[in-house]
PDB file of N, CA and C in Angstrom:
ATOM      1  N   MET A   1       0.844  -1.169   0.000  1.00  0.00           N
ATOM      2  CA  MET A   1       0.000   0.000   0.000  1.00  0.00           C
ATOM      3  C   MET A   1       0.891   1.234   0.000  1.00  0.00           C
ATOM      4  N   ASP A   2       0.698   2.083  -0.976  1.00  0.00           N
ATOM      5  CA  ASP A   2       1.455   3.326  -1.051  1.00  0.00           C
ATOM      6  C   ASP A   2       0.642   4.458  -0.440  1.00  0.00           C
ATOM      7  N   LEU A   3       1.310   5.266   0.371  1.00  0.00           N
ATOM      8  CA  LEU A   3       0.663   6.391   1.045  1.00  0.00           C
ATOM      9  C   LEU A   3       1.352   7.689   0.668  1.00  0.00           C
ATOM     10  N   VAL A   4       0.574   8.763   0.613  1.00  0.00           N
ATOM     11  CA  VAL A   4       1.133  10.086   0.358  1.00  0.00           C
ATOM     12  C   VAL A   4       0.541  11.070   1.362  1.00  0.00           C
ATOM     13  N   ALA A   5       1.304  12.112   1.663  1.00  0.00           N
ATOM     14  CA  ALA A   5       0.795  13.175   2.522  1.00  0.00           C
ATOM     15  C   ALA A   5      -0.274  13.948   1.748  1.00  0.00           C
ATOM     16  N   ASP A   6      -1.254  14.460   2.455  1.00  0.00           N
ATOM     17  CA  ASP A   6      -2.338  15.191   1.799  1.00  0.00           C
ATOM     18  C   ASP A   6      -2.770  16.335   2.712  1.00  0.00           C
ATOM     19  N   GLN A   7      -2.212  17.511   2.475  1.00  0.00           N
ATOM     20  CA  GLN A   7      -2.546  18.668   3.306  1.00  0.00           C
ATOM     21  C   GLN A   7      -3.985  19.133   3.106  1.00  0.00           C
ATOM     22  N   MET A   8      -4.564  18.825   1.936  1.00  0.00           N
ATOM     23  CA  MET A   8      -5.950  19.227   1.691  1.00  0.00           C
ATOM     24  C   MET A   8      -6.909  18.516   2.650  1.00  0.00           C
ATOM     25  N   ILE A   9      -6.642  17.238   2.953  1.00  0.00           N
ATOM     26  CA  ILE A   9      -7.546  16.528   3.859  1.00  0.00           C
ATOM     27  C   ILE A   9      -7.369  17.041   5.291  1.00  0.00           C
ATOM     28  N   VAL A  10      -6.168  17.438   5.623  1.00  0.00           N
ATOM     29  CA  VAL A  10      -5.946  18.026   6.954  1.00  0.00           C
ATOM     30  C   VAL A  10      -6.753  19.315   7.065  1.00  0.00           C
ATOM     31  N   ARG A  11      -6.698  20.143   6.038  1.00  0.00           N
ATOM     32  CA  ARG A  11      -7.462  21.397   6.027  1.00  0.00           C
ATOM     33  C   ARG A  11      -8.962  21.095   6.084  1.00  0.00           C
ATOM     34  N   TRP A  12      -9.423  20.072   5.338  1.00  0.00           N
ATOM     35  CA  TRP A  12     -10.837  19.690   5.355  1.00  0.00           C
ATOM     36  C   TRP A  12     -11.259  19.269   6.766  1.00  0.00           C
ATOM     37  N   LEU A  13     -10.429  18.467   7.425  1.00  0.00           N
ATOM     38  CA  LEU A  13     -10.752  18.015   8.782  1.00  0.00           C
ATOM     39  C   LEU A  13     -10.904  19.195   9.743  1.00  0.00           C
ATOM     40  N   VAL A  14     -10.039  20.189   9.587  1.00  0.00           N
ATOM     41  CA  VAL A  14     -10.061  21.354  10.473  1.00  0.00           C
ATOM     42  C   VAL A  14     -11.210  22.304  10.127  1.00  0.00           C
ATOM     43  N   ASP A  15     -11.416  22.565   8.844  1.00  0.00           N
ATOM     44  CA  ASP A  15     -12.351  23.613   8.428  1.00  0.00           C
ATOM     45  C   ASP A  15     -13.745  23.139   8.020  1.00  0.00           C
ATOM     46  N   SER A  16     -13.865  21.925   7.515  1.00  0.00           N
ATOM     47  CA  SER A  16     -15.131  21.552   6.871  1.00  0.00           C
ATOM     48  C   SER A  16     -15.821  20.321   7.438  1.00  0.00           C
ATOM     49  N   TRP A  17     -15.100  19.461   8.117  1.00  0.00           N
ATOM     50  CA  TRP A  17     -15.723  18.233   8.612  1.00  0.00           C
ATOM     51  C   TRP A  17     -16.834  18.576   9.584  1.00  0.00           C
ATOM     52  N   SER A  18     -17.999  17.975   9.386  1.00  0.00           N
ATOM     53  CA  SER A  18     -19.170  18.243  10.224  1.00  0.00           C
ATOM     54  C   SER A  18     -19.040  17.648  11.630  1.00  0.00           C
ATOM     55  N   GLY A  19     -18.064  16.768  11.829  1.00  0.00           N
ATOM     56  CA  GLY A  19     -17.943  16.064  13.105  1.00  0.00           C
ATOM     57  C   GLY A  19     -18.791  14.810  13.149  1.00  0.00           C
ATOM     58  N   GLU A  20     -19.366  14.463  12.002  1.00  0.00           N
ATOM     59  CA  GLU A  20     -20.225  13.285  11.924  1.00  0.00           C
ATOM     60  C   GLU A  20     -19.616  12.226  11.022  1.00  0.00           C
ATOM     61  N   LEU A  21     -20.047  10.987  11.247  1.00  0.00           N
ATOM     62  CA  LEU A  21     -19.653   9.886  10.378  1.00  0.00           C
ATOM     63  C   LEU A  21     -20.855   9.452   9.554  1.00  0.00           C
ATOM     64  N   ASP A  22     -20.588   8.951   8.362  1.00  0.00           N
ATOM     65  CA  ASP A  22     -21.616   8.509   7.430  1.00  0.00           C
ATOM     66  C   ASP A  22     -21.745   6.995   7.530  1.00  0.00           C
ATOM     67  N   TRP A  23     -22.885   6.541   8.061  1.00  0.00           N
ATOM     68  CA  TRP A  23     -23.112   5.115   8.284  1.00  0.00           C
ATOM     69  C   TRP A  23     -24.305   4.627   7.483  1.00  0.00           C
ATOM     70  N   ASP A  24     -24.234   3.378   7.030  1.00  0.00           N
ATOM     71  CA  ASP A  24     -25.387   2.669   6.496  1.00  0.00           C
ATOM     72  C   ASP A  24     -25.201   1.195   6.829  1.00  0.00           C
ATOM     73  N   ASP A  25     -26.164   0.372   6.451  1.00  0.00           N
ATOM     74  CA  ASP A  25     -26.084  -1.054   6.789  1.00  0.00           C
ATOM     75  C   ASP A  25     -24.817  -1.702   6.251  1.00  0.00           C
ATOM     76  N   GLY A  26     -24.361  -1.268   5.078  1.00  0.00           N
ATOM     77  CA  GLY A  26     -23.181  -1.874   4.458  1.00  0.00           C
ATOM     78  C   GLY A  26     -21.916  -1.697   5.275  1.00  0.00           C
ATOM     79  N   ASN A  27     -21.598  -0.456   5.660  1.00  0.00           N
ATOM     80  CA  ASN A  27     -20.343  -0.285   6.389  1.00  0.00           C
ATOM     81  C   ASN A  27     -20.461  -0.729   7.847  1.00  0.00           C
ATOM     82  N   VAL A  28     -21.659  -0.721   8.429  1.00  0.00           N
ATOM     83  CA  VAL A  28     -21.833  -1.260   9.787  1.00  0.00           C
ATOM     84  C   VAL A  28     -21.626  -2.774   9.774  1.00  0.00           C
ATOM     85  N   ARG A  29     -22.128  -3.440   8.733  1.00  0.00           N
ATOM     86  CA  ARG A  29     -21.956  -4.901   8.609  1.00  0.00           C
ATOM     87  C   ARG A  29     -20.469  -5.261   8.492  1.00  0.00           C
ATOM     88  N   LYS A  30     -19.709  -4.466   7.727  1.00  0.00           N
ATOM     89  CA  LYS A  30     -18.272  -4.732   7.576  1.00  0.00           C
ATOM     90  C   LYS A  30     -17.535  -4.623   8.906  1.00  0.00           C
ATOM     91  N   LEU A  31     -17.966  -3.679   9.757  1.00  0.00           N
ATOM     92  CA  LEU A  31     -17.330  -3.529  11.069  1.00  0.00           C
ATOM     93  C   LEU A  31     -17.430  -4.816  11.880  1.00  0.00           C
ATOM     94  N   LYS A  32     -18.601  -5.410  11.861  1.00  0.00           N
ATOM     95  CA  LYS A  32     -18.845  -6.610  12.661  1.00  0.00           C
ATOM     96  C   LYS A  32     -17.899  -7.739  12.287  1.00  0.00           C
ATOM     97  N   LYS A  33     -17.508  -7.804  10.998  1.00  0.00           N
ATOM     98  CA  LYS A  33     -16.569  -8.829  10.541  1.00  0.00           C
ATOM     99  C   LYS A  33     -15.254  -8.768  11.309  1.00  0.00           C
ATOM    100  N   HIS A  34     -14.900  -7.567  11.752  1.00  0.00           N
ATOM    101  CA  HIS A  34     -13.614  -7.365  12.425  1.00  0.00           C
ATOM    102  C   HIS A  34     -13.780  -7.070  13.917  1.00  0.00           C
ATOM    103  N   GLY A  35     -14.944  -7.395  14.451  1.00  0.00           N
ATOM    104  CA  GLY A  35     -15.168  -7.211  15.884  1.00  0.00           C
ATOM    105  C   GLY A  35     -15.279  -5.771  16.313  1.00  0.00           C
ATOM    106  N   ALA A  36     -15.580  -4.883  15.393  1.00  0.00           N
ATOM    107  CA  ALA A  36     -15.715  -3.459  15.716  1.00  0.00           C
ATOM    108  C   ALA A  36     -17.193  -3.097  15.782  1.00  0.00           C
ATOM    109  N   THR A  37     -17.475  -1.943  16.380  1.00  0.00           N
ATOM    110  CA  THR A  37     -18.845  -1.450  16.478  1.00  0.00           C
ATOM    111  C   THR A  37     -18.908  -0.010  15.988  1.00  0.00           C
ATOM    112  N   LYS A  38     -20.102   0.420  15.655  1.00  0.00           N
ATOM    113  CA  LYS A  38     -20.315   1.810  15.235  1.00  0.00           C
ATOM    114  C   LYS A  38     -19.884   2.761  16.355  1.00  0.00           C
ATOM    115  N   ASP A  39     -20.304   2.479  17.590  1.00  0.00           N
ATOM    116  CA  ASP A  39     -19.919   3.334  18.718  1.00  0.00           C
ATOM    117  C   ASP A  39     -18.404   3.367  18.896  1.00  0.00           C
ATOM    118  N   GLY A  40     -17.771   2.210  18.702  1.00  0.00           N
ATOM    119  CA  GLY A  40     -16.324   2.139  18.845  1.00  0.00           C
ATOM    120  C   GLY A  40     -15.592   2.988  17.824  1.00  0.00           C
ATOM    121  N   ILE A  41     -16.099   3.026  16.602  1.00  0.00           N
ATOM    122  CA  ILE A  41     -15.442   3.809  15.554  1.00  0.00           C
ATOM    123  C   ILE A  41     -15.828   5.283  15.650  1.00  0.00           C
ATOM    124  N   ASP A  42     -17.040   5.581  16.108  1.00  0.00           N
ATOM    125  CA  ASP A  42     -17.370   6.978  16.407  1.00  0.00           C
ATOM    126  C   ASP A  42     -16.365   7.526  17.426  1.00  0.00           C
ATOM    127  N   TYR A  43     -16.106   6.737  18.463  1.00  0.00           N
ATOM    128  CA  TYR A  43     -15.126   7.109  19.491  1.00  0.00           C
ATOM    129  C   TYR A  43     -13.744   7.310  18.864  1.00  0.00           C
ATOM    130  N   PHE A  44     -13.340   6.377  18.005  1.00  0.00           N
ATOM    131  CA  PHE A  44     -12.043   6.406  17.321  1.00  0.00           C
ATOM    132  C   PHE A  44     -11.806   7.782  16.695  1.00  0.00           C
ATOM    133  N   PHE A  45     -12.820   8.325  16.021  1.00  0.00           N
ATOM    134  CA  PHE A  45     -12.655   9.590  15.308  1.00  0.00           C
ATOM    135  C   PHE A  45     -12.926  10.819  16.167  1.00  0.00           C
ATOM    136  N   MET A  46     -13.673  10.685  17.248  1.00  0.00           N
ATOM    137  CA  MET A  46     -14.115  11.889  17.958  1.00  0.00           C
ATOM    138  C   MET A  46     -13.524  12.093  19.338  1.00  0.00           C
ATOM    139  N   ALA A  47     -13.036  11.038  19.973  1.00  0.00           N
ATOM    140  CA  ALA A  47     -12.522  11.183  21.334  1.00  0.00           C
ATOM    141  C   ALA A  47     -11.017  11.448  21.311  1.00  0.00           C
ATOM    142  N   PRO A  48     -10.571  12.537  21.916  1.00  0.00           N
ATOM    143  CA  PRO A  48      -9.132  12.810  21.943  1.00  0.00           C
ATOM    144  C   PRO A  48      -8.315  11.673  22.546  1.00  0.00           C
ATOM    145  N   GLU A  49      -8.889  10.978  23.525  1.00  0.00           N
ATOM    146  CA  GLU A  49      -8.148   9.881  24.164  1.00  0.00           C
ATOM    147  C   GLU A  49      -7.975   8.675  23.249  1.00  0.00           C
ATOM    148  N   ALA A  50      -8.634   8.652  22.097  1.00  0.00           N
ATOM    149  CA  ALA A  50      -8.443   7.576  21.118  1.00  0.00           C
ATOM    150  C   ALA A  50      -7.089   7.717  20.424  1.00  0.00           C
ATOM    151  N   GLU A  51      -6.494   8.884  20.550  1.00  0.00           N
ATOM    152  CA  GLU A  51      -5.184   9.175  19.963  1.00  0.00           C
ATOM    153  C   GLU A  51      -5.091   8.659  18.524  1.00  0.00           C
ATOM    154  N   ALA A  52      -6.002   9.152  17.687  1.00  0.00           N
ATOM    155  CA  ALA A  52      -6.010   8.772  16.271  1.00  0.00           C
ATOM    156  C   ALA A  52      -5.047   9.658  15.496  1.00  0.00           C
ATOM    157  N   PHE A  53      -4.306   9.036  14.589  1.00  0.00           N
ATOM    158  CA  PHE A  53      -3.342   9.737  13.747  1.00  0.00           C
ATOM    159  C   PHE A  53      -3.639   9.449  12.287  1.00  0.00           C
ATOM    160  N   LEU A  54      -3.835  10.514  11.507  1.00  0.00           N
ATOM    161  CA  LEU A  54      -3.977  10.378  10.066  1.00  0.00           C
ATOM    162  C   LEU A  54      -2.602  10.019   9.508  1.00  0.00           C
ATOM    163  N   ILE A  55      -2.508   8.875   8.864  1.00  0.00           N
ATOM    164  CA  ILE A  55      -1.227   8.406   8.342  1.00  0.00           C
ATOM    165  C   ILE A  55      -1.002   8.918   6.923  1.00  0.00           C
ATOM    166  N   GLY A  56      -2.052   8.975   6.127  1.00  0.00           N
ATOM    167  CA  GLY A  56      -1.912   9.525   4.786  1.00  0.00           C
ATOM    168  C   GLY A  56      -3.013   9.080   3.856  1.00  0.00           C
ATOM    169  N   ARG A  57      -2.930   9.581   2.625  1.00  0.00           N
ATOM    170  CA  ARG A  57      -3.875   9.187   1.578  1.00  0.00           C
ATOM    171  C   ARG A  57      -3.332   7.946   0.893  1.00  0.00           C
ATOM    172  N   ILE A  58      -4.197   6.989   0.654  1.00  0.00           N
ATOM    173  CA  ILE A  58      -3.801   5.740   0.010  1.00  0.00           C
ATOM    174  C   ILE A  58      -3.802   5.937  -1.505  1.00  0.00           C
ATOM    175  N   GLN A  59      -2.712   5.569  -2.134  1.00  0.00           N
ATOM    176  CA  GLN A  59      -2.627   5.611  -3.592  1.00  0.00           C
ATOM    177  C   GLN A  59      -3.229   4.326  -4.145  1.00  0.00           C
ATOM    178  N   PRO A  60      -4.162   4.429  -5.084  1.00  0.00           N
ATOM    179  CA  PRO A  60      -4.712   3.195  -5.665  1.00  0.00           C
ATOM    180  C   PRO A  60      -3.648   2.480  -6.499  1.00  0.00           C
ATOM    181  N   PRO A  61      -3.763   1.160  -6.600  1.00  0.00           N
ATOM    182  CA  PRO A  61      -2.840   0.433  -7.483  1.00  0.00           C
ATOM    183  C   PRO A  61      -2.935   0.980  -8.905  1.00  0.00           C
ATOM    184  N   ALA A  62      -1.861   0.850  -9.653  1.00  0.00           N
ATOM    185  CA  ALA A  62      -1.799   1.413 -11.006  1.00  0.00           C
ATOM    186  C   ALA A  62      -2.918   0.918 -11.913  1.00  0.00           C
ATOM    187  N   ASP A  63      -3.407  -0.289 -11.678  1.00  0.00           N
ATOM    188  CA  ASP A  63      -4.440  -0.865 -12.542  1.00  0.00           C
ATOM    189  C   ASP A  63      -5.864  -0.613 -12.034  1.00  0.00           C
ATOM    190  N   GLU A  64      -6.012   0.248 -11.014  1.00  0.00           N
ATOM    191  CA  GLU A  64      -7.339   0.534 -10.457  1.00  0.00           C
ATOM    192  C   GLU A  64      -7.613   2.030 -10.471  1.00  0.00           C
ATOM    193  N   VAL A  65      -8.898   2.362 -10.576  1.00  0.00           N
ATOM    194  CA  VAL A  65      -9.353   3.742 -10.454  1.00  0.00           C
ATOM    195  C   VAL A  65     -10.406   3.770  -9.361  1.00  0.00           C
ATOM    196  N   TRP A  66     -10.218   4.634  -8.378  1.00  0.00           N
ATOM    197  CA  TRP A  66     -11.171   4.757  -7.290  1.00  0.00           C
ATOM    198  C   TRP A  66     -12.002   6.011  -7.495  1.00  0.00           C
ATOM    199  N   ALA A  67     -13.294   5.915  -7.236  1.00  0.00           N
ATOM    200  CA  ALA A  67     -14.190   7.056  -7.369  1.00  0.00           C
ATOM    201  C   ALA A  67     -13.955   8.086  -6.256  1.00  0.00           C
ATOM    202  N   GLU A  68     -13.423   7.629  -5.130  1.00  0.00           N
ATOM    203  CA  GLU A  68     -13.211   8.506  -3.977  1.00  0.00           C
ATOM    204  C   GLU A  68     -11.786   8.320  -3.453  1.00  0.00           C
ATOM    205  N   LEU A  69     -11.235   9.395  -2.900  1.00  0.00           N
ATOM    206  CA  LEU A  69      -9.945   9.298  -2.236  1.00  0.00           C
ATOM    207  C   LEU A  69     -10.122   8.526  -0.937  1.00  0.00           C
ATOM    208  N   ARG A  70      -9.107   7.756  -0.563  1.00  0.00           N
ATOM    209  CA  ARG A  70      -9.156   6.957   0.676  1.00  0.00           C
ATOM    210  C   ARG A  70      -7.986   7.340   1.571  1.00  0.00           C
ATOM    211  N   TYR A  71      -8.252   7.301   2.868  1.00  0.00           N
ATOM    212  CA  TYR A  71      -7.266   7.716   3.859  1.00  0.00           C
ATOM    213  C   TYR A  71      -7.077   6.631   4.903  1.00  0.00           C
ATOM    214  N   LEU A  72      -5.879   6.576   5.479  1.00  0.00           N
ATOM    215  CA  LEU A  72      -5.523   5.587   6.479  1.00  0.00           C
ATOM    216  C   LEU A  72      -5.280   6.298   7.804  1.00  0.00           C
ATOM    217  N   THR A  73      -5.922   5.825   8.864  1.00  0.00           N
ATOM    218  CA  THR A  73      -5.776   6.406  10.192  1.00  0.00           C
ATOM    219  C   THR A  73      -5.575   5.287  11.209  1.00  0.00           C
ATOM    220  N   PHE A  74      -4.658   5.511  12.161  1.00  0.00           N
ATOM    221  CA  PHE A  74      -4.438   4.601  13.275  1.00  0.00           C
ATOM    222  C   PHE A  74      -5.009   5.243  14.537  1.00  0.00           C
ATOM    223  N   GLY A  75      -5.567   4.428  15.423  1.00  0.00           N
ATOM    224  CA  GLY A  75      -6.080   4.925  16.696  1.00  0.00           C
ATOM    225  C   GLY A  75      -6.618   3.761  17.514  1.00  0.00           C
ATOM    226  N   THR A  76      -7.338   4.089  18.577  1.00  0.00           N
ATOM    227  CA  THR A  76      -7.957   3.046  19.396  1.00  0.00           C
ATOM    228  C   THR A  76      -9.466   3.246  19.401  1.00  0.00           C
ATOM    229  N   ASP A  77     -10.177   2.126  19.521  1.00  0.00           N
ATOM    230  CA  ASP A  77     -11.630   2.207  19.586  1.00  0.00           C
ATOM    231  C   ASP A  77     -12.067   2.370  21.034  1.00  0.00           C
ATOM    232  N   ILE A  78     -13.353   2.345  21.252  1.00  0.00           N
ATOM    233  CA  ILE A  78     -13.909   2.571  22.589  1.00  0.00           C
ATOM    234  C   ILE A  78     -13.454   1.502  23.588  1.00  0.00           C
ATOM    235  N   ASP A  79     -13.085   0.310  23.081  1.00  0.00           N
ATOM    236  CA  ASP A  79     -12.592  -0.775  23.940  1.00  0.00           C
ATOM    237  C   ASP A  79     -11.070  -0.771  24.045  1.00  0.00           C
ATOM    238  N   GLU A  80     -10.442   0.321  23.598  1.00  0.00           N
ATOM    239  CA  GLU A  80      -8.991   0.511  23.620  1.00  0.00           C
ATOM    240  C   GLU A  80      -8.249  -0.484  22.733  1.00  0.00           C
ATOM    241  N   LYS A  81      -8.929  -1.031  21.739  1.00  0.00           N
ATOM    242  CA  LYS A  81      -8.272  -1.918  20.773  1.00  0.00           C
ATOM    243  C   LYS A  81      -7.612  -1.062  19.706  1.00  0.00           C
ATOM    244  N   PRO A  82      -6.362  -1.371  19.365  1.00  0.00           N
ATOM    245  CA  PRO A  82      -5.679  -0.593  18.325  1.00  0.00           C
ATOM    246  C   PRO A  82      -6.270  -0.929  16.953  1.00  0.00           C
ATOM    247  N   ARG A  83      -6.756   0.088  16.254  1.00  0.00           N
ATOM    248  CA  ARG A  83      -7.451  -0.113  14.987  1.00  0.00           C
ATOM    249  C   ARG A  83      -6.785   0.647  13.847  1.00  0.00           C
ATOM    250  N   THR A  84      -6.885   0.052  12.674  1.00  0.00           N
ATOM    251  CA  THR A  84      -6.541   0.714  11.425  1.00  0.00           C
ATOM    252  C   THR A  84      -7.857   0.926  10.703  1.00  0.00           C
ATOM    253  N   VAL A  85      -8.153   2.177  10.359  1.00  0.00           N
ATOM    254  CA  VAL A  85      -9.399   2.492   9.673  1.00  0.00           C
ATOM    255  C   VAL A  85      -9.078   3.165   8.340  1.00  0.00           C
ATOM    256  N   ILE A  86      -9.718   2.666   7.298  1.00  0.00           N
ATOM    257  CA  ILE A  86      -9.648   3.291   5.978  1.00  0.00           C
ATOM    258  C   ILE A  86     -10.982   3.988   5.777  1.00  0.00           C
ATOM    259  N   TRP A  87     -10.917   5.236   5.312  1.00  0.00           N
ATOM    260  CA  TRP A  87     -12.123   6.042   5.200  1.00  0.00           C
ATOM    261  C   TRP A  87     -12.045   6.988   4.015  1.00  0.00           C
ATOM    262  N   THR A  88     -13.187   7.568   3.691  1.00  0.00           N
ATOM    263  CA  THR A  88     -13.272   8.577   2.649  1.00  0.00           C
ATOM    264  C   THR A  88     -14.163   9.697   3.170  1.00  0.00           C
ATOM    265  N   THR A  89     -14.436  10.683   2.351  1.00  0.00           N
ATOM    266  CA  THR A  89     -15.336  11.766   2.744  1.00  0.00           C
ATOM    267  C   THR A  89     -16.585  11.724   1.864  1.00  0.00           C
ATOM    268  N   ARG A  90     -17.716  12.010   2.484  1.00  0.00           N
ATOM    269  CA  ARG A  90     -18.977  12.148   1.760  1.00  0.00           C
ATOM    270  C   ARG A  90     -19.819  13.208   2.449  1.00  0.00           C
ATOM    271  N   ARG A  91     -20.218  14.214   1.687  1.00  0.00           N
ATOM    272  CA  ARG A  91     -21.108  15.277   2.198  1.00  0.00           C
ATOM    273  C   ARG A  91     -20.616  15.833   3.548  1.00  0.00           C
ATOM    274  N   ASN A  92     -19.368  16.185   3.612  1.00  0.00           N
ATOM    275  CA  ASN A  92     -18.760  16.758   4.826  1.00  0.00           C
ATOM    276  C   ASN A  92     -18.799  15.834   6.029  1.00  0.00           C
ATOM    277  N   LYS A  93     -18.870  14.532   5.758  1.00  0.00           N
ATOM    278  CA  LYS A  93     -18.801  13.524   6.813  1.00  0.00           C
ATOM    279  C   LYS A  93     -17.678  12.550   6.486  1.00  0.00           C
ATOM    280  N   ILE A  94     -17.169  11.896   7.513  1.00  0.00           N
ATOM    281  CA  ILE A  94     -16.215  10.802   7.321  1.00  0.00           C
ATOM    282  C   ILE A  94     -17.021   9.529   7.091  1.00  0.00           C
ATOM    283  N   ARG A  95     -16.663   8.811   6.048  1.00  0.00           N
ATOM    284  CA  ARG A  95     -17.330   7.548   5.704  1.00  0.00           C
ATOM    285  C   ARG A  95     -16.339   6.410   5.907  1.00  0.00           C
ATOM    286  N   PRO A  96     -16.439   5.643   7.022  1.00  0.00           N
ATOM    287  CA  PRO A  96     -15.553   4.496   7.205  1.00  0.00           C
ATOM    288  C   PRO A  96     -15.785   3.463   6.099  1.00  0.00           C
ATOM    289  N   ILE A  97     -14.690   2.978   5.527  1.00  0.00           N
ATOM    290  CA  ILE A  97     -14.763   1.950   4.484  1.00  0.00           C
ATOM    291  C   ILE A  97     -14.416   0.594   5.075  1.00  0.00           C
ATOM    292  N   SER A  98     -13.329   0.552   5.846  1.00  0.00           N
ATOM    293  CA  SER A  98     -12.956  -0.699   6.493  1.00  0.00           C
ATOM    294  C   SER A  98     -12.229  -0.405   7.800  1.00  0.00           C
ATOM    295  N   CYS A  99     -12.225  -1.410   8.648  1.00  0.00           N
ATOM    296  CA  CYS A  99     -11.626  -1.276   9.973  1.00  0.00           C
ATOM    297  C   CYS A  99     -11.126  -2.648  10.392  1.00  0.00           C
ATOM    298  N   ARG A 100      -9.933  -2.677  10.970  1.00  0.00           N
ATOM    299  CA  ARG A 100      -9.385  -3.946  11.464  1.00  0.00           C
ATOM    300  C   ARG A 100      -8.422  -3.643  12.603  1.00  0.00           C
ATOM    301  N   ILE A 101      -8.038  -4.686  13.309  1.00  0.00           N
ATOM    302  CA  ILE A 101      -7.002  -4.558  14.337  1.00  0.00           C
ATOM    303  C   ILE A 101      -5.681  -4.248  13.622  1.00  0.00           C
ATOM    304  N   MET A 102      -4.869  -3.380  14.209  1.00  0.00           N
ATOM    305  CA  MET A 102      -3.572  -3.040  13.614  1.00  0.00           C
ATOM    306  C   MET A 102      -2.682  -4.264  13.491  1.00  0.00           C
ATOM    307  N   ARG A 103      -1.928  -4.283  12.421  1.00  0.00           N
ATOM    308  CA  ARG A 103      -0.888  -5.302  12.247  1.00  0.00           C
ATOM    309  C   ARG A 103       0.318  -4.903  13.098  1.00  0.00           C
ATOM    310  N   ALA A 104       1.237  -5.832  13.308  1.00  0.00           N
ATOM    311  CA  ALA A 104       2.386  -5.588  14.199  1.00  0.00           C
ATOM    312  C   ALA A 104       3.202  -4.366  13.773  1.00  0.00           C
ATOM    313  N   LYS A 105       3.501  -4.232  12.475  1.00  0.00           N
ATOM    314  CA  LYS A 105       4.286  -3.077  12.005  1.00  0.00           C
ATOM    315  C   LYS A 105       3.518  -1.772  12.205  1.00  0.00           C
ATOM    316  N   GLU A 106       2.211  -1.815  11.993  1.00  0.00           N
ATOM    317  CA  GLU A 106       1.387  -0.625  12.199  1.00  0.00           C
ATOM    318  C   GLU A 106       1.378  -0.238  13.669  1.00  0.00           C
ATOM    319  N   ARG A 107       1.276  -1.233  14.527  1.00  0.00           N
ATOM    320  CA  ARG A 107       1.260  -0.989  15.978  1.00  0.00           C
ATOM    321  C   ARG A 107       2.560  -0.324  16.424  1.00  0.00           C
ATOM    322  N   LYS A 108       3.672  -0.779  15.887  1.00  0.00           N
ATOM    323  CA  LYS A 108       4.969  -0.193  16.234  1.00  0.00           C
ATOM    324  C   LYS A 108       5.024   1.279  15.799  1.00  0.00           C
ATOM    325  N   LEU A 109       4.559   1.558  14.590  1.00  0.00           N
ATOM    326  CA  LEU A 109       4.523   2.936  14.102  1.00  0.00           C
ATOM    327  C   LEU A 109       3.587   3.782  14.970  1.00  0.00           C
ATOM    328  N   TYR A 110       2.432   3.238  15.291  1.00  0.00           N
ATOM    329  CA  TYR A 110       1.453   3.950  16.109  1.00  0.00           C
ATOM    330  C   TYR A 110       2.028   4.283  17.489  1.00  0.00           C
ATOM    331  N   GLU A 111       2.669   3.318  18.118  1.00  0.00           N
ATOM    332  CA  GLU A 111       3.260   3.561  19.440  1.00  0.00           C
ATOM    333  C   GLU A 111       4.326   4.655  19.354  1.00  0.00           C
ATOM    334  N   GLY A 112       5.109   4.672  18.276  1.00  0.00           N
ATOM    335  CA  GLY A 112       6.099   5.728  18.082  1.00  0.00           C
ATOM    336  C   GLY A 112       5.446   7.092  17.911  1.00  0.00           C
ATOM    337  N   LEU A 113       4.347   7.142  17.173  1.00  0.00           N
ATOM    338  CA  LEU A 113       3.620   8.405  16.998  1.00  0.00           C
ATOM    339  C   LEU A 113       3.059   8.901  18.321  1.00  0.00           C
ATOM    340  N   LYS A 114       2.512   7.996  19.114  1.00  0.00           N
ATOM    341  CA  LYS A 114       1.978   8.389  20.425  1.00  0.00           C
ATOM    342  C   LYS A 114       3.085   8.932  21.310  1.00  0.00           C
ATOM    343  N   GLU A 115       4.217   8.262  21.317  1.00  0.00           N
ATOM    344  CA  GLU A 115       5.341   8.703  22.148  1.00  0.00           C
ATOM    345  C   GLU A 115       5.807  10.095  21.725  1.00  0.00           C
ATOM    346  N   THR A 116       5.958  10.312  20.436  1.00  0.00           N
ATOM    347  CA  THR A 116       6.375  11.620  19.917  1.00  0.00           C
ATOM    348  C   THR A 116       5.349  12.688  20.272  1.00  0.00           C
ATOM    349  N   HIS A 117       4.080  12.361  20.117  1.00  0.00           N
ATOM    350  CA  HIS A 117       3.003  13.310  20.430  1.00  0.00           C
ATOM    351  C   HIS A 117       3.032  13.700  21.901  1.00  0.00           C
ATOM    352  N   HIS A 118       3.270  12.730  22.790  1.00  0.00           N
ATOM    353  CA  HIS A 118       3.307  13.022  24.222  1.00  0.00           C
ATOM    354  C   HIS A 118       4.520  13.876  24.571  1.00  0.00           C
ATOM    355  N   LEU A 119       5.630  13.662  23.887  1.00  0.00           N
ATOM    356  CA  LEU A 119       6.818  14.478  24.134  1.00  0.00           C
ATOM    357  C   LEU A 119       6.606  15.926  23.718  1.00  0.00           C
ATOM    358  N   GLU A 120       5.830  16.136  22.626  1.00  0.00           N
ATOM    359  CA  GLU A 120       5.569  17.479  22.124  1.00  0.00           C
ATOM    360  C   GLU A 120       4.529  18.227  22.950  1.00  0.00           C
ATOM    361  N   SER A 121       3.695  17.489  23.668  1.00  0.00           N
ATOM    362  CA  SER A 121       2.596  18.125  24.434  1.00  0.00           C
ATOM    363  C   SER A 121       3.086  18.799  25.682  1.00  0.00           C
TER     364      SER A 121
END
């Protein structure tokens, strides 16, 4: 998975995001596959103690075209489980696409980001 920095999404999060998530039966059903809940992912994006970090915009594979930009974020859910969430934007809301427990390499990166963030605070 290739990632790139995207200052436009950072600006969108600060200036335009409604603070709401876009849910329907489809993305709620996908959460259940990975032991996640709607409340848990709402917490992931909205609670400061979730310590979520936007990692970057995902570049689609060369042979694919995506209708929407996708972003990768690390954080913890309401049960303090370390999660990787892929999401997009729709109508000034965050639309979760997928969610899973962090892989070992992701967890190591996430712990480093948390440590750096705490040192800067």
